[in-house]
Amino acid sequence: MPMTSDDSSIPDNDKLFIRTQSPADGQRDRMLSYVLANDGGAHGLTLFFCHGGGGNKNQWRRQWSHFAAQGARLVAWDCLGHGCSAQPRRPNAYDGALTIGDYLEVVRRFGSRRNILVAHSYGCLLTLAVLLALREADELNRIAGVLLLAPPSPLRPLALGPMAYLPAFVLEWLRPRLTTAFRHLAWHPDTDPDLVAFEERATRGNAMRTVKAVFSGAVRLDPASLGALSLPIDIAVGAEDRLTPPNQAQDLAALLPGARLHVVDQAAHQVMLERPEAINALLETLLASASVTAGGR
């Protein structure tokens, strides 16, 4: 089945200012662009969507349109340096610990009594770090479930390629070649070329200096710590993902008690865009389970 493009997008942005104070960054405001759907009234459950490194919140549009139409309360945001959020030039602004702090602030600011976290690629590592932080703060009971898409393995370092050793200006010069290489690794060959082209245009707004800084300061997890995360976690990976292959998702699933692994056919790394119906079905199941659990409390 060919995977086609669409014209939908996540509407309207608002701004969230997060004040940080740390030895690495001093005291600064970090401006994040976010969008909130179906706010108002009593909501017992909120879905949060965290994109990956070099991505943006609009990559969730096929989930957003589906669940917003059902009246679900949804939150998506652009991580610092991505999409419509601020793009500071200081590399230390993208330190993983600060990004985790941003994520925690988003969840605490907009969270409901129960929440579901959905993440893609590097966003999965951020989400796991956030779960560990919530557990440490005795707040993990607020998370009803988690859906991780195309996660990197916590057992091996991130594959940075040229970003590890080339300066940002050279990476910008090489961007066309890097884009071609990424296309081969991240997209299923049957994906609609218009969808691929749309996403490639969107990523041009993320400066290579930012992407380099994000991955240079990436969060690193202690694999042994993940065994403490006893909550419903689904992991989905495209069968033809060459960027974070299924064996990396298997690594992660083996570390998480009770994790459920799903290998999605006819999909690669951008699984939520390539096979939205499959991902939405997984999220429907997680949402239904969380709603039943919440109703019984």
C-alpha atoms as a PDB file:
ATOM      1  CA  MET A   1       0.000   0.000   0.000  1.00  0.00           C
ATOM      2  CA  PRO A   2       1.557   3.316  -1.015  1.00  0.00           C
ATOM      3  CA  MET A   3       1.940   5.902   1.686  1.00  0.00           C
ATOM      4  CA  THR A   4       0.498   9.210   0.554  1.00  0.00           C
ATOM      5  CA  SER A   5       0.869  12.818   1.590  1.00  0.00           C
ATOM      6  CA  ASP A   6      -1.858  15.051   2.968  1.00  0.00           C
ATOM      7  CA  ASP A   7      -2.525  18.742   3.415  1.00  0.00           C
ATOM      8  CA  SER A   8      -3.323  18.647   7.127  1.00  0.00           C
ATOM      9  CA  SER A   9      -1.203  20.446   9.671  1.00  0.00           C
ATOM     10  CA  ILE A  10      -1.319  21.266  13.353  1.00  0.00           C
ATOM     11  CA  PRO A  11      -2.939  24.708  13.644  1.00  0.00           C
ATOM     12  CA  ASP A  12      -1.903  27.786  15.587  1.00  0.00           C
ATOM     13  CA  ASN A  13       1.065  28.161  17.878  1.00  0.00           C
ATOM     14  CA  ASP A  14       1.361  29.673  21.314  1.00  0.00           C
ATOM     15  CA  LYS A  15       4.520  30.507  23.236  1.00  0.00           C
ATOM     16  CA  LEU A  16       5.753  29.090  26.513  1.00  0.00           C
ATOM     17  CA  PHE A  17       8.604  30.810  28.332  1.00  0.00           C
ATOM     18  CA  ILE A  18      10.606  28.537  30.599  1.00  0.00           C
ATOM     19  CA  ARG A  19      13.131  30.155  32.922  1.00  0.00           C
ATOM     20  CA  THR A  20      16.167  28.020  33.619  1.00  0.00           C
ATOM     21  CA  GLN A  21      18.978  28.555  36.045  1.00  0.00           C
ATOM     22  CA  SER A  22      21.980  26.264  35.822  1.00  0.00           C
ATOM     23  CA  PRO A  23      25.773  26.531  35.901  1.00  0.00           C
ATOM     24  CA  ALA A  24      25.862  25.669  32.192  1.00  0.00           C
ATOM     25  CA  ASP A  25      23.314  28.191  30.993  1.00  0.00           C
ATOM     26  CA  GLY A  26      22.895  30.832  33.679  1.00  0.00           C
ATOM     27  CA  GLN A  27      19.398  32.245  34.090  1.00  0.00           C
ATOM     28  CA  ARG A  28      17.664  32.576  30.747  1.00  0.00           C
ATOM     29  CA  ASP A  29      14.221  32.345  29.213  1.00  0.00           C
ATOM     30  CA  ARG A  30      13.747  29.486  26.779  1.00  0.00           C
ATOM     31  CA  MET A  31      10.876  30.193  24.382  1.00  0.00           C
ATOM     32  CA  LEU A  32       9.049  27.076  23.201  1.00  0.00           C
ATOM     33  CA  SER A  33       6.298  26.994  20.600  1.00  0.00           C
ATOM     34  CA  TYR A  34       3.432  24.717  21.578  1.00  0.00           C
ATOM     35  CA  VAL A  35      -0.152  23.950  20.609  1.00  0.00           C
ATOM     36  CA  LEU A  36      -2.978  22.711  22.820  1.00  0.00           C
ATOM     37  CA  ALA A  37      -6.192  21.105  21.541  1.00  0.00           C
ATOM     38  CA  ASN A  38      -9.516  20.729  23.328  1.00  0.00           C
ATOM     39  CA  ASP A  39      -8.559  22.676  26.419  1.00  0.00           C
ATOM     40  CA  GLY A  40     -11.449  23.612  28.637  1.00  0.00           C
ATOM     41  CA  GLY A  41     -13.856  21.653  30.732  1.00  0.00           C
ATOM     42  CA  ALA A  42     -12.876  18.742  32.916  1.00  0.00           C
ATOM     43  CA  HIS A  43     -10.228  16.537  31.323  1.00  0.00           C
ATOM     44  CA  GLY A  44      -8.890  13.520  33.111  1.00  0.00           C
ATOM     45  CA  LEU A  45      -6.396  12.604  30.403  1.00  0.00           C
ATOM     46  CA  THR A  46      -3.939  14.479  28.160  1.00  0.00           C
ATOM     47  CA  LEU A  47      -1.751  13.191  25.318  1.00  0.00           C
ATOM     48  CA  PHE A  48       1.710  14.753  24.902  1.00  0.00           C
ATOM     49  CA  PHE A  49       3.684  14.477  21.644  1.00  0.00           C
ATOM     50  CA  CYS A  50       7.492  14.851  21.656  1.00  0.00           C
ATOM     51  CA  HIS A  51       9.313  14.911  18.298  1.00  0.00           C
ATOM     52  CA  GLY A  52      12.862  13.722  17.665  1.00  0.00           C
ATOM     53  CA  GLY A  53      16.123  15.531  16.981  1.00  0.00           C
ATOM     54  CA  GLY A  54      15.815  17.663  13.852  1.00  0.00           C
ATOM     55  CA  GLY A  55      12.030  17.219  13.796  1.00  0.00           C
ATOM     56  CA  ASN A  56       9.081  19.448  14.683  1.00  0.00           C
ATOM     57  CA  LYS A  57       5.640  19.207  16.235  1.00  0.00           C
ATOM     58  CA  ASN A  58       3.877  19.191  12.854  1.00  0.00           C
ATOM     59  CA  GLN A  59       5.205  15.667  12.272  1.00  0.00           C
ATOM     60  CA  TRP A  60       2.404  14.566  14.598  1.00  0.00           C
ATOM     61  CA  ARG A  61      -0.319  16.023  12.364  1.00  0.00           C
ATOM     62  CA  ARG A  62      -1.775  12.623  11.399  1.00  0.00           C
ATOM     63  CA  GLN A  63      -2.255  11.725  15.032  1.00  0.00           C
ATOM     64  CA  TRP A  64      -3.342  15.244  15.954  1.00  0.00           C
ATOM     65  CA  SER A  65      -6.180  15.427  13.417  1.00  0.00           C
ATOM     66  CA  HIS A  66      -7.419  11.944  14.347  1.00  0.00           C
ATOM     67  CA  PHE A  67      -7.528  12.413  18.106  1.00  0.00           C
ATOM     68  CA  ALA A  68      -8.480  16.093  18.146  1.00  0.00           C
ATOM     69  CA  ALA A  69     -11.613  15.169  16.186  1.00  0.00           C
ATOM     70  CA  GLN A  70     -12.497  12.757  18.998  1.00  0.00           C
ATOM     71  CA  GLY A  71     -12.242  15.524  21.583  1.00  0.00           C
ATOM     72  CA  ALA A  72      -9.032  14.306  23.191  1.00  0.00           C
ATOM     73  CA  ARG A  73      -6.897  16.876  24.995  1.00  0.00           C
ATOM     74  CA  LEU A  74      -3.570  17.118  23.149  1.00  0.00           C
ATOM     75  CA  VAL A  75      -0.286  18.984  23.614  1.00  0.00           C
ATOM     76  CA  ALA A  76       2.599  19.151  21.135  1.00  0.00           C
ATOM     77  CA  TRP A  77       5.616  21.432  21.171  1.00  0.00           C
ATOM     78  CA  ASP A  78       8.793  22.246  19.294  1.00  0.00           C
ATOM     79  CA  CYS A  79      11.891  21.515  21.350  1.00  0.00           C
ATOM     80  CA  LEU A  80      14.295  24.424  21.687  1.00  0.00           C
ATOM     81  CA  GLY A  81      16.041  25.093  18.371  1.00  0.00           C
ATOM     82  CA  HIS A  82      13.365  23.327  16.335  1.00  0.00           C
ATOM     83  CA  GLY A  83      10.321  24.434  14.368  1.00  0.00           C
ATOM     84  CA  CYS A  84       8.883  27.699  15.667  1.00  0.00           C
ATOM     85  CA  SER A  85      10.719  27.684  19.004  1.00  0.00           C
ATOM     86  CA  ALA A  86      13.656  29.971  19.774  1.00  0.00           C
ATOM     87  CA  GLN A  87      17.010  29.025  18.229  1.00  0.00           C
ATOM     88  CA  PRO A  88      19.755  30.325  20.524  1.00  0.00           C
ATOM     89  CA  ARG A  89      23.262  30.131  19.102  1.00  0.00           C
ATOM     90  CA  ARG A  90      24.866  28.951  22.360  1.00  0.00           C
ATOM     91  CA  PRO A  91      25.617  25.210  22.051  1.00  0.00           C
ATOM     92  CA  ASN A  92      25.142  24.683  25.797  1.00  0.00           C
ATOM     93  CA  ALA A  93      21.499  25.781  25.457  1.00  0.00           C
ATOM     94  CA  TYR A  94      20.830  22.337  23.975  1.00  0.00           C
ATOM     95  CA  ASP A  95      22.320  20.330  26.821  1.00  0.00           C
ATOM     96  CA  GLY A  96      20.217  17.234  27.413  1.00  0.00           C
ATOM     97  CA  ALA A  97      19.556  18.099  31.055  1.00  0.00           C
ATOM     98  CA  LEU A  98      18.028  21.448  30.058  1.00  0.00           C
ATOM     99  CA  THR A  99      15.876  19.804  27.390  1.00  0.00           C
ATOM    100  CA  ILE A 100      14.613  17.314  29.968  1.00  0.00           C
ATOM    101  CA  GLY A 101      13.785  20.288  32.193  1.00  0.00           C
ATOM    102  CA  ASP A 102      11.769  21.849  29.362  1.00  0.00           C
ATOM    103  CA  TYR A 103       9.868  18.597  28.849  1.00  0.00           C
ATOM    104  CA  LEU A 104       9.078  18.289  32.554  1.00  0.00           C
ATOM    105  CA  GLU A 105       7.817  21.865  32.624  1.00  0.00           C
ATOM    106  CA  VAL A 106       5.506  21.196  29.655  1.00  0.00           C
ATOM    107  CA  VAL A 107       4.062  18.086  31.328  1.00  0.00           C
ATOM    108  CA  ARG A 108       3.634  19.786  34.693  1.00  0.00           C
ATOM    109  CA  ARG A 109       2.189  22.972  33.181  1.00  0.00           C
ATOM    110  CA  PHE A 110      -0.356  21.309  30.901  1.00  0.00           C
ATOM    111  CA  GLY A 111      -0.795  17.831  32.385  1.00  0.00           C
ATOM    112  CA  SER A 112      -4.051  16.336  33.595  1.00  0.00           C
ATOM    113  CA  ARG A 113      -4.641  13.912  36.424  1.00  0.00           C
ATOM    114  CA  ARG A 114      -3.513  11.166  34.024  1.00  0.00           C
ATOM    115  CA  ASN A 115      -1.333  11.565  30.936  1.00  0.00           C
ATOM    116  CA  ILE A 116       0.015   9.612  27.972  1.00  0.00           C
ATOM    117  CA  LEU A 117       3.440  10.423  26.514  1.00  0.00           C
ATOM    118  CA  VAL A 118       4.092   9.787  22.807  1.00  0.00           C
ATOM    119  CA  ALA A 119       7.591  10.229  21.394  1.00  0.00           C
ATOM    120  CA  HIS A 120       9.660   9.629  18.270  1.00  0.00           C
ATOM    121  CA  SER A 121      13.342   8.762  17.799  1.00  0.00           C
ATOM    122  CA  TYR A 122      15.608  10.852  20.082  1.00  0.00           C
ATOM    123  CA  GLY A 123      12.419  12.077  21.739  1.00  0.00           C
ATOM    124  CA  CYS A 124      12.079   8.526  23.116  1.00  0.00           C
ATOM    125  CA  LEU A 125      15.321   8.898  25.087  1.00  0.00           C
ATOM    126  CA  LEU A 126      14.117  12.261  26.396  1.00  0.00           C
ATOM    127  CA  THR A 127      10.819  10.665  27.402  1.00  0.00           C
ATOM    128  CA  LEU A 128      12.525   7.843  29.277  1.00  0.00           C
ATOM    129  CA  ALA A 129      14.659  10.402  31.122  1.00  0.00           C
ATOM    130  CA  VAL A 130      11.506  12.344  32.001  1.00  0.00           C
ATOM    131  CA  LEU A 131       9.848   9.172  33.297  1.00  0.00           C
ATOM    132  CA  LEU A 132      12.847   8.505  35.530  1.00  0.00           C
ATOM    133  CA  ALA A 133      12.713  12.093  36.814  1.00  0.00           C
ATOM    134  CA  LEU A 134       8.981  11.789  37.528  1.00  0.00           C
ATOM    135  CA  ARG A 135       9.598   8.541  39.380  1.00  0.00           C
ATOM    136  CA  GLU A 136      12.290  10.222  41.474  1.00  0.00           C
ATOM    137  CA  ALA A 137       9.804  12.999  42.299  1.00  0.00           C
ATOM    138  CA  ASP A 138       7.084  10.430  43.142  1.00  0.00           C
ATOM    139  CA  GLU A 139       4.970  11.671  40.203  1.00  0.00           C
ATOM    140  CA  LEU A 140       5.126   8.635  37.915  1.00  0.00           C
ATOM    141  CA  ASN A 141       1.538   7.720  38.832  1.00  0.00           C
ATOM    142  CA  ARG A 142       0.433  10.651  36.648  1.00  0.00           C
ATOM    143  CA  ILE A 143       1.577   8.765  33.536  1.00  0.00           C
ATOM    144  CA  ALA A 144      -1.046   6.286  32.335  1.00  0.00           C
ATOM    145  CA  GLY A 145       0.955   4.983  29.392  1.00  0.00           C
ATOM    146  CA  VAL A 146       3.725   5.625  26.888  1.00  0.00           C
ATOM    147  CA  LEU A 147       4.117   5.051  23.145  1.00  0.00           C
ATOM    148  CA  LEU A 148       7.707   5.134  21.844  1.00  0.00           C
ATOM    149  CA  LEU A 149       8.260   5.195  18.076  1.00  0.00           C
ATOM    150  CA  ALA A 150      11.551   4.259  16.383  1.00  0.00           C
ATOM    151  CA  PRO A 151      13.602   4.524  19.577  1.00  0.00           C
ATOM    152  CA  PRO A 152      17.412   4.385  19.622  1.00  0.00           C
ATOM    153  CA  SER A 153      18.937   1.674  21.761  1.00  0.00           C
ATOM    154  CA  PRO A 154      20.141   2.890  25.171  1.00  0.00           C
ATOM    155  CA  LEU A 155      22.836   0.201  24.985  1.00  0.00           C
ATOM    156  CA  ARG A 156      24.827   1.923  22.257  1.00  0.00           C
ATOM    157  CA  PRO A 157      25.907   5.498  21.523  1.00  0.00           C
ATOM    158  CA  LEU A 158      23.897   7.576  19.070  1.00  0.00           C
ATOM    159  CA  ALA A 159      25.244   7.308  15.526  1.00  0.00           C
ATOM    160  CA  LEU A 160      26.245  10.918  14.849  1.00  0.00           C
ATOM    161  CA  GLY A 161      28.106  10.390  11.583  1.00  0.00           C
ATOM    162  CA  PRO A 162      29.651  13.623  10.234  1.00  0.00           C
ATOM    163  CA  MET A 163      28.020  15.660  13.024  1.00  0.00           C
ATOM    164  CA  ALA A 164      30.545  14.218  15.446  1.00  0.00           C
ATOM    165  CA  TYR A 165      33.587  15.784  13.802  1.00  0.00           C
ATOM    166  CA  LEU A 166      32.625  18.394  11.174  1.00  0.00           C
ATOM    167  CA  PRO A 167      31.981  22.060  12.022  1.00  0.00           C
ATOM    168  CA  ALA A 168      28.471  23.417  11.533  1.00  0.00           C
ATOM    169  CA  PHE A 169      29.292  25.533   8.460  1.00  0.00           C
ATOM    170  CA  VAL A 170      30.615  22.443   6.669  1.00  0.00           C
ATOM    171  CA  LEU A 171      27.491  20.516   7.640  1.00  0.00           C
ATOM    172  CA  GLU A 172      25.351  23.284   6.105  1.00  0.00           C
ATOM    173  CA  TRP A 173      27.377  23.022   2.899  1.00  0.00           C
ATOM    174  CA  LEU A 174      26.871  19.248   2.944  1.00  0.00           C
ATOM    175  CA  ARG A 175      23.155  19.468   3.785  1.00  0.00           C
ATOM    176  CA  PRO A 176      21.941  18.296   0.325  1.00  0.00           C
ATOM    177  CA  ARG A 177      24.066  15.156   0.583  1.00  0.00           C
ATOM    178  CA  LEU A 178      23.085  14.570   4.191  1.00  0.00           C
ATOM    179  CA  THR A 179      19.428  14.954   3.212  1.00  0.00           C
ATOM    180  CA  THR A 180      19.803  12.333   0.497  1.00  0.00           C
ATOM    181  CA  ALA A 181      21.470   9.922   2.911  1.00  0.00           C
ATOM    182  CA  PHE A 182      18.779  10.519   5.531  1.00  0.00           C
ATOM    183  CA  ARG A 183      16.051   9.916   2.946  1.00  0.00           C
ATOM    184  CA  HIS A 184      17.477   6.471   2.243  1.00  0.00           C
ATOM    185  CA  LEU A 185      17.752   5.588   5.928  1.00  0.00           C
ATOM    186  CA  ALA A 186      14.539   7.090   7.255  1.00  0.00           C
ATOM    187  CA  TRP A 187      11.833   6.605   4.615  1.00  0.00           C
ATOM    188  CA  HIS A 188      10.173   3.497   3.224  1.00  0.00           C
ATOM    189  CA  PRO A 189      10.731   3.383  -0.558  1.00  0.00           C
ATOM    190  CA  ASP A 190       6.958   3.323  -1.235  1.00  0.00           C
ATOM    191  CA  THR A 191       6.309   6.586   0.599  1.00  0.00           C
ATOM    192  CA  ASP A 192       4.685   9.320  -1.484  1.00  0.00           C
ATOM    193  CA  PRO A 193       7.497  11.580  -2.791  1.00  0.00           C
ATOM    194  CA  ASP A 194       5.353  14.637  -2.001  1.00  0.00           C
ATOM    195  CA  LEU A 195       5.293  13.681   1.679  1.00  0.00           C
ATOM    196  CA  VAL A 196       9.058  13.194   1.726  1.00  0.00           C
ATOM    197  CA  ALA A 197       9.592  16.531  -0.042  1.00  0.00           C
ATOM    198  CA  PHE A 198       7.255  18.316   2.401  1.00  0.00           C
ATOM    199  CA  GLU A 199       9.170  16.983   5.395  1.00  0.00           C
ATOM    200  CA  GLU A 200      12.537  17.816   3.854  1.00  0.00           C
ATOM    201  CA  ARG A 201      11.430  21.419   3.298  1.00  0.00           C
ATOM    202  CA  ALA A 202      10.286  21.613   6.925  1.00  0.00           C
ATOM    203  CA  THR A 203      13.610  20.386   8.297  1.00  0.00           C
ATOM    204  CA  ARG A 204      15.511  23.131   6.466  1.00  0.00           C
ATOM    205  CA  GLY A 205      14.304  25.466   9.197  1.00  0.00           C
ATOM    206  CA  ASN A 206      16.479  23.602  11.714  1.00  0.00           C
ATOM    207  CA  ALA A 207      20.027  24.944  11.487  1.00  0.00           C
ATOM    208  CA  MET A 208      22.763  22.315  11.335  1.00  0.00           C
ATOM    209  CA  ARG A 209      24.564  24.047  14.223  1.00  0.00           C
ATOM    210  CA  THR A 210      21.451  23.357  16.305  1.00  0.00           C
ATOM    211  CA  VAL A 211      21.164  19.720  15.257  1.00  0.00           C
ATOM    212  CA  LYS A 212      24.876  19.219  15.964  1.00  0.00           C
ATOM    213  CA  ALA A 213      24.523  20.830  19.405  1.00  0.00           C
ATOM    214  CA  VAL A 214      21.437  18.758  20.257  1.00  0.00           C
ATOM    215  CA  PHE A 215      23.157  15.465  19.564  1.00  0.00           C
ATOM    216  CA  SER A 216      26.494  16.542  21.019  1.00  0.00           C
ATOM    217  CA  GLY A 217      24.699  17.273  24.305  1.00  0.00           C
ATOM    218  CA  ALA A 218      22.308  14.331  24.023  1.00  0.00           C
ATOM    219  CA  VAL A 219      20.917  12.710  27.134  1.00  0.00           C
ATOM    220  CA  ARG A 220      22.518   9.408  28.096  1.00  0.00           C
ATOM    221  CA  LEU A 221      20.591   6.835  30.055  1.00  0.00           C
ATOM    222  CA  ASP A 222      21.771   4.211  32.488  1.00  0.00           C
ATOM    223  CA  PRO A 223      20.194   1.073  30.975  1.00  0.00           C
ATOM    224  CA  ALA A 224      19.951  -0.553  34.403  1.00  0.00           C
ATOM    225  CA  SER A 225      17.720   2.282  35.644  1.00  0.00           C
ATOM    226  CA  LEU A 226      14.983   1.514  33.117  1.00  0.00           C
ATOM    227  CA  GLY A 227      13.890  -1.599  34.985  1.00  0.00           C
ATOM    228  CA  ALA A 228      12.250   0.690  37.534  1.00  0.00           C
ATOM    229  CA  LEU A 229       9.711   1.954  34.970  1.00  0.00           C
ATOM    230  CA  SER A 230       6.755  -0.310  35.655  1.00  0.00           C
ATOM    231  CA  LEU A 231       3.974   1.222  33.577  1.00  0.00           C
ATOM    232  CA  PRO A 232       2.315   0.421  30.229  1.00  0.00           C
ATOM    233  CA  ILE A 233       4.852   1.115  27.467  1.00  0.00           C
ATOM    234  CA  ASP A 234       4.323   0.263  23.807  1.00  0.00           C
ATOM    235  CA  ILE A 235       7.252   0.406  21.393  1.00  0.00           C
ATOM    236  CA  ALA A 236       6.697   0.568  17.620  1.00  0.00           C
ATOM    237  CA  VAL A 237       9.355   0.458  14.919  1.00  0.00           C
ATOM    238  CA  GLY A 238       9.192   0.316  11.140  1.00  0.00           C
ATOM    239  CA  ALA A 239      10.242  -3.036   9.712  1.00  0.00           C
ATOM    240  CA  GLU A 240      12.514  -1.250   7.225  1.00  0.00           C
ATOM    241  CA  ASP A 241      13.901   1.436   9.533  1.00  0.00           C
ATOM    242  CA  ARG A 242      17.598   1.775   8.706  1.00  0.00           C
ATOM    243  CA  LEU A 243      18.241   4.658  11.089  1.00  0.00           C
ATOM    244  CA  THR A 244      17.105   2.981  14.308  1.00  0.00           C
ATOM    245  CA  PRO A 245      16.521  -0.611  13.145  1.00  0.00           C
ATOM    246  CA  PRO A 246      14.153  -3.042  14.878  1.00  0.00           C
ATOM    247  CA  ASN A 247      17.004  -4.641  16.831  1.00  0.00           C
ATOM    248  CA  GLN A 248      17.485  -1.329  18.672  1.00  0.00           C
ATOM    249  CA  ALA A 249      13.817  -1.327  19.679  1.00  0.00           C
ATOM    250  CA  GLN A 250      14.283  -4.915  20.836  1.00  0.00           C
ATOM    251  CA  ASP A 251      17.207  -3.792  23.016  1.00  0.00           C
ATOM    252  CA  LEU A 252      14.977  -1.229  24.686  1.00  0.00           C
ATOM    253  CA  ALA A 253      11.986  -3.542  25.091  1.00  0.00           C
ATOM    254  CA  ALA A 254      14.175  -6.070  26.906  1.00  0.00           C
ATOM    255  CA  LEU A 255      15.094  -3.416  29.495  1.00  0.00           C
ATOM    256  CA  LEU A 256      11.541  -2.277  30.259  1.00  0.00           C
ATOM    257  CA  PRO A 257       9.333  -4.565  32.360  1.00  0.00           C
ATOM    258  CA  GLY A 258       6.195  -5.502  30.452  1.00  0.00           C
ATOM    259  CA  ALA A 259       6.996  -3.425  27.356  1.00  0.00           C
ATOM    260  CA  ARG A 260       5.132  -4.459  24.210  1.00  0.00           C
ATOM    261  CA  LEU A 261       7.063  -4.372  20.930  1.00  0.00           C
ATOM    262  CA  HIS A 262       5.314  -3.843  17.584  1.00  0.00           C
ATOM    263  CA  VAL A 263       7.121  -4.093  14.241  1.00  0.00           C
ATOM    264  CA  VAL A 264       5.148  -2.129  11.638  1.00  0.00           C
ATOM    265  CA  ASP A 265       5.273  -3.427   8.072  1.00  0.00           C
ATOM    266  CA  GLN A 266       5.754  -1.071   5.116  1.00  0.00           C
ATOM    267  CA  ALA A 267       7.331   1.571   7.315  1.00  0.00           C
ATOM    268  CA  ALA A 268      10.778   2.909   8.099  1.00  0.00           C
ATOM    269  CA  HIS A 269      11.893   5.546  10.615  1.00  0.00           C
ATOM    270  CA  GLN A 270       9.063   8.068  10.058  1.00  0.00           C
ATOM    271  CA  VAL A 271       6.493   5.503  11.062  1.00  0.00           C
ATOM    272  CA  MET A 272       3.856   7.932  12.405  1.00  0.00           C
ATOM    273  CA  LEU A 273       3.742   9.636   8.982  1.00  0.00           C
ATOM    274  CA  GLU A 274       4.171   6.527   6.847  1.00  0.00           C
ATOM    275  CA  ARG A 275       1.647   4.305   8.646  1.00  0.00           C
ATOM    276  CA  PRO A 276      -0.555   6.687  10.644  1.00  0.00           C
ATOM    277  CA  GLU A 277      -3.446   4.228  10.805  1.00  0.00           C
ATOM    278  CA  ALA A 278      -1.252   1.616  12.516  1.00  0.00           C
ATOM    279  CA  ILE A 279       0.152   4.120  15.023  1.00  0.00           C
ATOM    280  CA  ASN A 280      -3.270   5.614  15.702  1.00  0.00           C
ATOM    281  CA  ALA A 281      -4.628   2.115  16.384  1.00  0.00           C
ATOM    282  CA  LEU A 282      -1.878   1.482  18.951  1.00  0.00           C
ATOM    283  CA  LEU A 283      -2.588   4.815  20.577  1.00  0.00           C
ATOM    284  CA  GLU A 284      -6.347   4.103  20.578  1.00  0.00           C
ATOM    285  CA  THR A 285      -5.692   0.903  22.525  1.00  0.00           C
ATOM    286  CA  LEU A 286      -3.419   2.686  24.992  1.00  0.00           C
ATOM    287  CA  LEU A 287      -5.938   5.499  25.391  1.00  0.00           C
ATOM    288  CA  ALA A 288      -8.823   3.075  25.974  1.00  0.00           C
ATOM    289  CA  SER A 289      -6.828   1.185  28.591  1.00  0.00           C
ATOM    290  CA  ALA A 290      -5.848   4.407  30.344  1.00  0.00           C
ATOM    291  CA  SER A 291      -9.455   5.628  30.330  1.00  0.00           C
ATOM    292  CA  VAL A 292     -10.694   2.372  31.877  1.00  0.00           C
ATOM    293  CA  THR A 293      -7.984   2.557  34.545  1.00  0.00           C
ATOM    294  CA  ALA A 294      -8.819   6.193  35.296  1.00  0.00           C
ATOM    295  CA  GLY A 295     -12.514   5.346  35.512  1.00  0.00           C
ATOM    296  CA  GLY A 296     -11.794   2.710  38.094  1.00  0.00           C
ATOM    297  CA  ARG A 297      -9.882   5.037  40.395  1.00  0.00           C
END
